[in-house]
Amino acid sequence: MSETEWDSIAERAAAEARYMLGTGCTVRVCAAHFHISKSTVHKDVAERLRASDPPLWEAVRGVLGVNLRERHLRGGAATQRMYAEKRARLAGEKTARASFSGSAPSENP
């Protein structure tokens, strides 16, 4: 059976939870891994898993809690990267403009 085919929703939820526990990944990364929506992953691990496998649900709640507490840090890091890339791009453009003299190219044979 491939990782995207399950006999039941409970099996899918358990597979997602085991993946999240093994990697510590976010709901978004888990959704991308299993090729399903973030909403489906969240509902599977936050609600459906509680009924089908309570011990696994308790364990995955810890990962979800850590990700929730770190979310603002990841957002800040992404914003810092975005502005650093923008500054580097602008610096590269200024360097390119400064090296262009604006006069016609000289004809040296």
N, C-alpha and C. Protein backbone atom coordinates (compact mmCIF):
# COMPACT_ATOMS: atom_id res chain seq x y z
N MET A 1 0.85 -1.17 0.00
CA MET A 1 0.00 0.00 0.00
C MET A 1 0.89 1.24 0.00
N SER A 2 0.61 2.20 -0.87
CA SER A 2 1.42 3.43 -0.90
C SER A 2 1.03 4.32 0.27
N GLU A 3 1.91 5.33 0.54
CA GLU A 3 1.66 6.17 1.71
C GLU A 3 0.44 7.08 1.54
N THR A 4 -0.10 7.19 0.33
CA THR A 4 -1.26 8.04 0.11
C THR A 4 -2.55 7.26 0.02
N GLU A 5 -2.51 5.93 0.21
CA GLU A 5 -3.71 5.11 0.18
C GLU A 5 -3.89 4.44 1.54
N TRP A 6 -5.03 4.70 2.17
CA TRP A 6 -5.30 4.10 3.47
C TRP A 6 -6.64 3.39 3.42
N ASP A 7 -6.76 2.36 4.25
CA ASP A 7 -8.03 1.64 4.33
C ASP A 7 -9.05 2.44 5.12
N SER A 8 -8.59 3.33 6.00
CA SER A 8 -9.53 4.13 6.79
C SER A 8 -8.92 5.48 7.13
N ILE A 9 -9.78 6.37 7.53
CA ILE A 9 -9.33 7.70 7.96
C ILE A 9 -8.47 7.57 9.21
N ALA A 10 -8.81 6.63 10.08
CA ALA A 10 -8.03 6.42 11.30
C ALA A 10 -6.59 6.02 10.98
N GLU A 11 -6.41 5.18 9.96
CA GLU A 11 -5.05 4.80 9.55
C GLU A 11 -4.28 6.02 9.03
N ARG A 12 -4.96 6.85 8.24
CA ARG A 12 -4.33 8.06 7.72
C ARG A 12 -3.92 8.98 8.86
N ALA A 13 -4.81 9.18 9.81
CA ALA A 13 -4.53 10.05 10.95
C ALA A 13 -3.34 9.52 11.74
N ALA A 14 -3.29 8.21 11.94
CA ALA A 14 -2.17 7.61 12.68
C ALA A 14 -0.86 7.78 11.92
N ALA A 15 -0.90 7.62 10.60
CA ALA A 15 0.31 7.78 9.79
C ALA A 15 0.81 9.22 9.86
N GLU A 16 -0.11 10.17 9.80
CA GLU A 16 0.27 11.58 9.90
C GLU A 16 0.88 11.88 11.27
N ALA A 17 0.27 11.35 12.31
CA ALA A 17 0.75 11.58 13.67
C ALA A 17 2.14 10.97 13.87
N ARG A 18 2.34 9.76 13.37
CA ARG A 18 3.66 9.13 13.49
C ARG A 18 4.72 9.94 12.74
N TYR A 19 4.36 10.46 11.58
CA TYR A 19 5.30 11.28 10.81
C TYR A 19 5.64 12.56 11.58
N MET A 20 4.62 13.20 12.15
CA MET A 20 4.86 14.43 12.91
C MET A 20 5.71 14.15 14.15
N LEU A 21 5.46 13.04 14.81
CA LEU A 21 6.26 12.69 15.99
C LEU A 21 7.71 12.37 15.60
N GLY A 22 7.88 11.70 14.50
CA GLY A 22 9.22 11.32 14.06
C GLY A 22 10.05 12.49 13.59
N THR A 23 9.41 13.47 12.99
CA THR A 23 10.15 14.59 12.41
C THR A 23 10.01 15.88 13.20
N GLY A 24 8.94 15.98 14.01
CA GLY A 24 8.68 17.23 14.72
C GLY A 24 8.20 18.33 13.78
N CYS A 25 7.72 17.94 12.62
CA CYS A 25 7.35 18.91 11.58
C CYS A 25 6.03 19.62 11.91
N THR A 26 5.76 20.65 11.14
CA THR A 26 4.52 21.41 11.27
C THR A 26 3.40 20.72 10.49
N VAL A 27 2.18 21.18 10.72
CA VAL A 27 1.03 20.67 9.97
C VAL A 27 1.23 20.92 8.48
N ARG A 28 1.78 22.08 8.14
CA ARG A 28 2.00 22.44 6.73
C ARG A 28 2.96 21.45 6.06
N VAL A 29 4.06 21.13 6.72
CA VAL A 29 5.05 20.20 6.15
C VAL A 29 4.44 18.80 6.04
N CYS A 30 3.70 18.39 7.05
CA CYS A 30 3.06 17.07 7.03
C CYS A 30 2.06 17.00 5.87
N ALA A 31 1.29 18.05 5.69
CA ALA A 31 0.32 18.08 4.59
C ALA A 31 1.01 17.96 3.24
N ALA A 32 2.11 18.65 3.08
CA ALA A 32 2.86 18.57 1.83
C ALA A 32 3.41 17.16 1.62
N HIS A 33 3.89 16.55 2.69
CA HIS A 33 4.45 15.19 2.60
C HIS A 33 3.40 14.19 2.14
N PHE A 34 2.19 14.29 2.68
CA PHE A 34 1.13 13.34 2.36
C PHE A 34 0.24 13.79 1.21
N HIS A 35 0.52 14.97 0.65
CA HIS A 35 -0.25 15.50 -0.49
C HIS A 35 -1.73 15.66 -0.15
N ILE A 36 -1.99 16.23 1.02
CA ILE A 36 -3.36 16.53 1.42
C ILE A 36 -3.37 17.94 2.01
N SER A 37 -4.54 18.47 2.31
CA SER A 37 -4.62 19.85 2.79
C SER A 37 -4.22 19.96 4.26
N LYS A 38 -3.81 21.17 4.62
CA LYS A 38 -3.45 21.45 6.02
C LYS A 38 -4.66 21.24 6.92
N SER A 39 -5.84 21.61 6.44
CA SER A 39 -7.06 21.45 7.23
C SER A 39 -7.32 19.99 7.54
N THR A 40 -7.10 19.13 6.56
CA THR A 40 -7.32 17.70 6.76
C THR A 40 -6.34 17.15 7.79
N VAL A 41 -5.07 17.52 7.67
CA VAL A 41 -4.07 17.03 8.63
C VAL A 41 -4.44 17.50 10.03
N HIS A 42 -4.77 18.78 10.14
CA HIS A 42 -5.08 19.31 11.47
C HIS A 42 -6.30 18.61 12.07
N LYS A 43 -7.34 18.42 11.28
CA LYS A 43 -8.54 17.73 11.79
C LYS A 43 -8.21 16.28 12.16
N ASP A 44 -7.39 15.63 11.33
CA ASP A 44 -7.01 14.25 11.61
C ASP A 44 -6.27 14.13 12.95
N VAL A 45 -5.24 14.95 13.15
CA VAL A 45 -4.40 14.78 14.34
C VAL A 45 -4.97 15.47 15.57
N ALA A 46 -5.81 16.47 15.40
CA ALA A 46 -6.35 17.18 16.55
C ALA A 46 -7.70 16.63 17.01
N GLU A 47 -8.47 16.03 16.10
CA GLU A 47 -9.81 15.56 16.46
C GLU A 47 -10.01 14.07 16.24
N ARG A 48 -9.80 13.61 15.03
CA ARG A 48 -10.09 12.21 14.69
C ARG A 48 -9.21 11.24 15.45
N LEU A 49 -7.95 11.59 15.62
CA LEU A 49 -7.01 10.70 16.30
C LEU A 49 -7.40 10.50 17.77
N ARG A 50 -8.03 11.50 18.34
CA ARG A 50 -8.44 11.41 19.76
C ARG A 50 -9.38 10.22 19.98
N ALA A 51 -10.27 9.99 19.02
CA ALA A 51 -11.22 8.89 19.15
C ALA A 51 -10.60 7.54 18.79
N SER A 52 -9.69 7.54 17.81
CA SER A 52 -9.17 6.26 17.33
C SER A 52 -7.92 5.78 18.07
N ASP A 53 -7.08 6.70 18.57
CA ASP A 53 -5.83 6.31 19.24
C ASP A 53 -5.44 7.37 20.27
N PRO A 54 -6.09 7.38 21.44
CA PRO A 54 -5.83 8.43 22.43
C PRO A 54 -4.36 8.58 22.86
N PRO A 55 -3.60 7.49 23.06
CA PRO A 55 -2.19 7.69 23.44
C PRO A 55 -1.37 8.41 22.35
N LEU A 56 -1.62 8.06 21.10
CA LEU A 56 -0.93 8.72 19.99
C LEU A 56 -1.37 10.18 19.89
N TRP A 57 -2.64 10.42 20.12
CA TRP A 57 -3.18 11.79 20.12
C TRP A 57 -2.49 12.63 21.19
N GLU A 58 -2.33 12.07 22.39
CA GLU A 58 -1.65 12.79 23.48
C GLU A 58 -0.22 13.14 23.07
N ALA A 59 0.46 12.20 22.43
CA ALA A 59 1.85 12.43 22.03
C ALA A 59 1.95 13.52 20.97
N VAL A 60 1.08 13.47 19.98
CA VAL A 60 1.15 14.45 18.90
C VAL A 60 0.70 15.85 19.36
N ARG A 61 -0.09 15.90 20.41
CA ARG A 61 -0.47 17.21 20.97
C ARG A 61 0.77 17.98 21.42
N GLY A 62 1.76 17.25 21.90
CA GLY A 62 3.01 17.91 22.31
C GLY A 62 3.70 18.59 21.14
N VAL A 63 3.75 17.91 20.01
CA VAL A 63 4.38 18.49 18.81
C VAL A 63 3.58 19.70 18.34
N LEU A 64 2.26 19.58 18.35
CA LEU A 64 1.42 20.70 17.93
C LEU A 64 1.62 21.89 18.87
N GLY A 65 1.75 21.62 20.16
CA GLY A 65 1.97 22.69 21.13
C GLY A 65 3.29 23.40 20.92
N VAL A 66 4.34 22.63 20.68
CA VAL A 66 5.66 23.23 20.42
C VAL A 66 5.60 24.10 19.17
N ASN A 67 4.98 23.58 18.11
CA ASN A 67 4.88 24.35 16.87
C ASN A 67 4.07 25.63 17.07
N LEU A 68 3.03 25.57 17.88
CA LEU A 68 2.23 26.75 18.16
C LEU A 68 3.05 27.79 18.92
N ARG A 69 3.83 27.32 19.90
CA ARG A 69 4.65 28.26 20.68
C ARG A 69 5.79 28.86 19.86
N GLU A 70 6.28 28.13 18.86
CA GLU A 70 7.40 28.63 18.05
C GLU A 70 6.97 29.37 16.80
N ARG A 71 5.68 29.40 16.53
CA ARG A 71 5.18 29.98 15.28
C ARG A 71 5.64 31.41 15.09
N HIS A 72 5.58 32.21 16.13
CA HIS A 72 5.96 33.62 15.99
C HIS A 72 7.45 33.77 15.70
N LEU A 73 8.26 32.83 16.19
CA LEU A 73 9.70 32.87 15.91
C LEU A 73 9.99 32.54 14.46
N ARG A 74 9.30 31.53 13.92
CA ARG A 74 9.49 31.18 12.52
C ARG A 74 9.05 32.31 11.61
N GLY A 75 7.96 32.97 11.96
CA GLY A 75 7.49 34.10 11.16
C GLY A 75 8.50 35.23 11.16
N GLY A 76 9.09 35.51 12.33
CA GLY A 76 10.09 36.56 12.42
C GLY A 76 11.34 36.23 11.62
N ALA A 77 11.74 34.98 11.65
CA ALA A 77 12.92 34.55 10.89
C ALA A 77 12.66 34.67 9.39
N ALA A 78 11.46 34.32 8.96
CA ALA A 78 11.12 34.42 7.54
C ALA A 78 11.13 35.88 7.10
N THR A 79 10.63 36.77 7.95
CA THR A 79 10.62 38.19 7.62
C THR A 79 12.05 38.72 7.54
N GLN A 80 12.91 38.32 8.45
CA GLN A 80 14.31 38.74 8.40
C GLN A 80 14.98 38.27 7.10
N ARG A 81 14.74 37.03 6.71
CA ARG A 81 15.31 36.51 5.46
C ARG A 81 14.80 37.32 4.27
N MET A 82 13.51 37.61 4.26
CA MET A 82 12.92 38.33 3.15
C MET A 82 13.58 39.70 2.97
N TYR A 83 13.74 40.44 4.08
CA TYR A 83 14.34 41.77 3.98
C TYR A 83 15.83 41.70 3.70
N ALA A 84 16.52 40.69 4.18
CA ALA A 84 17.94 40.52 3.88
C ALA A 84 18.13 40.26 2.38
N GLU A 85 17.27 39.42 1.81
CA GLU A 85 17.33 39.15 0.37
C GLU A 85 17.01 40.40 -0.43
N LYS A 86 16.06 41.17 0.04
CA LYS A 86 15.69 42.42 -0.64
C LYS A 86 16.85 43.40 -0.60
N ARG A 87 17.52 43.53 0.57
CA ARG A 87 18.68 44.42 0.68
C ARG A 87 19.80 43.98 -0.24
N ALA A 88 20.05 42.68 -0.30
CA ALA A 88 21.11 42.15 -1.16
C ALA A 88 20.80 42.42 -2.63
N ARG A 89 19.54 42.24 -3.00
CA ARG A 89 19.12 42.49 -4.38
C ARG A 89 19.31 43.95 -4.74
N LEU A 90 18.90 44.85 -3.83
CA LEU A 90 19.05 46.28 -4.08
C LEU A 90 20.52 46.69 -4.13
N ALA A 91 21.34 46.12 -3.28
CA ALA A 91 22.77 46.42 -3.30
C ALA A 91 23.38 45.96 -4.62
N GLY A 92 22.96 44.82 -5.12
CA GLY A 92 23.45 44.32 -6.41
C GLY A 92 23.05 45.24 -7.55
N GLU A 93 21.84 45.78 -7.50
CA GLU A 93 21.38 46.71 -8.54
C GLU A 93 22.18 48.00 -8.48
N LYS A 94 22.46 48.51 -7.27
CA LYS A 94 23.24 49.74 -7.15
C LYS A 94 24.65 49.54 -7.67
N THR A 95 25.23 48.38 -7.41
CA THR A 95 26.57 48.07 -7.90
C THR A 95 26.57 48.01 -9.42
N ALA A 96 25.55 47.41 -9.99
CA ALA A 96 25.46 47.31 -11.44
C ALA A 96 25.29 48.69 -12.05
N ARG A 97 24.50 49.56 -11.44
CA ARG A 97 24.31 50.91 -11.95
C ARG A 97 25.59 51.72 -11.82
N ALA A 98 26.32 51.54 -10.74
CA ALA A 98 27.55 52.30 -10.53
C ALA A 98 28.62 51.90 -11.54
N SER A 99 28.64 50.63 -11.93
CA SER A 99 29.65 50.19 -12.88
C SER A 99 29.31 50.61 -14.31
N PHE A 100 28.06 50.96 -14.56
CA PHE A 100 27.65 51.43 -15.88
C PHE A 100 27.94 52.93 -15.93
N SER A 101 28.80 53.35 -16.82
CA SER A 101 29.22 54.75 -16.86
C SER A 101 28.20 55.65 -17.51
N GLY A 102 27.31 55.10 -18.28
CA GLY A 102 26.30 55.92 -18.93
C GLY A 102 26.75 56.47 -20.27
N SER A 103 28.01 56.32 -20.64
CA SER A 103 28.50 56.82 -21.94
C SER A 103 28.51 55.68 -22.92
N ALA A 104 28.66 56.04 -24.17
CA ALA A 104 28.72 55.05 -25.23
C ALA A 104 29.97 54.20 -25.06
N PRO A 105 29.89 52.94 -25.37
CA PRO A 105 31.08 52.10 -25.23
C PRO A 105 32.21 52.58 -26.16
N SER A 106 33.42 52.51 -25.65
CA SER A 106 34.56 52.94 -26.47
C SER A 106 34.87 51.86 -27.49
N GLU A 107 35.41 52.29 -28.60
CA GLU A 107 35.73 51.34 -29.65
C GLU A 107 37.22 51.15 -29.69
N ASN A 108 37.69 50.19 -28.97
CA ASN A 108 39.11 49.85 -28.97
C ASN A 108 39.30 48.59 -29.79
N PRO A 109 40.01 48.69 -30.89
CA PRO A 109 40.19 47.49 -31.73
C PRO A 109 41.06 46.47 -31.10
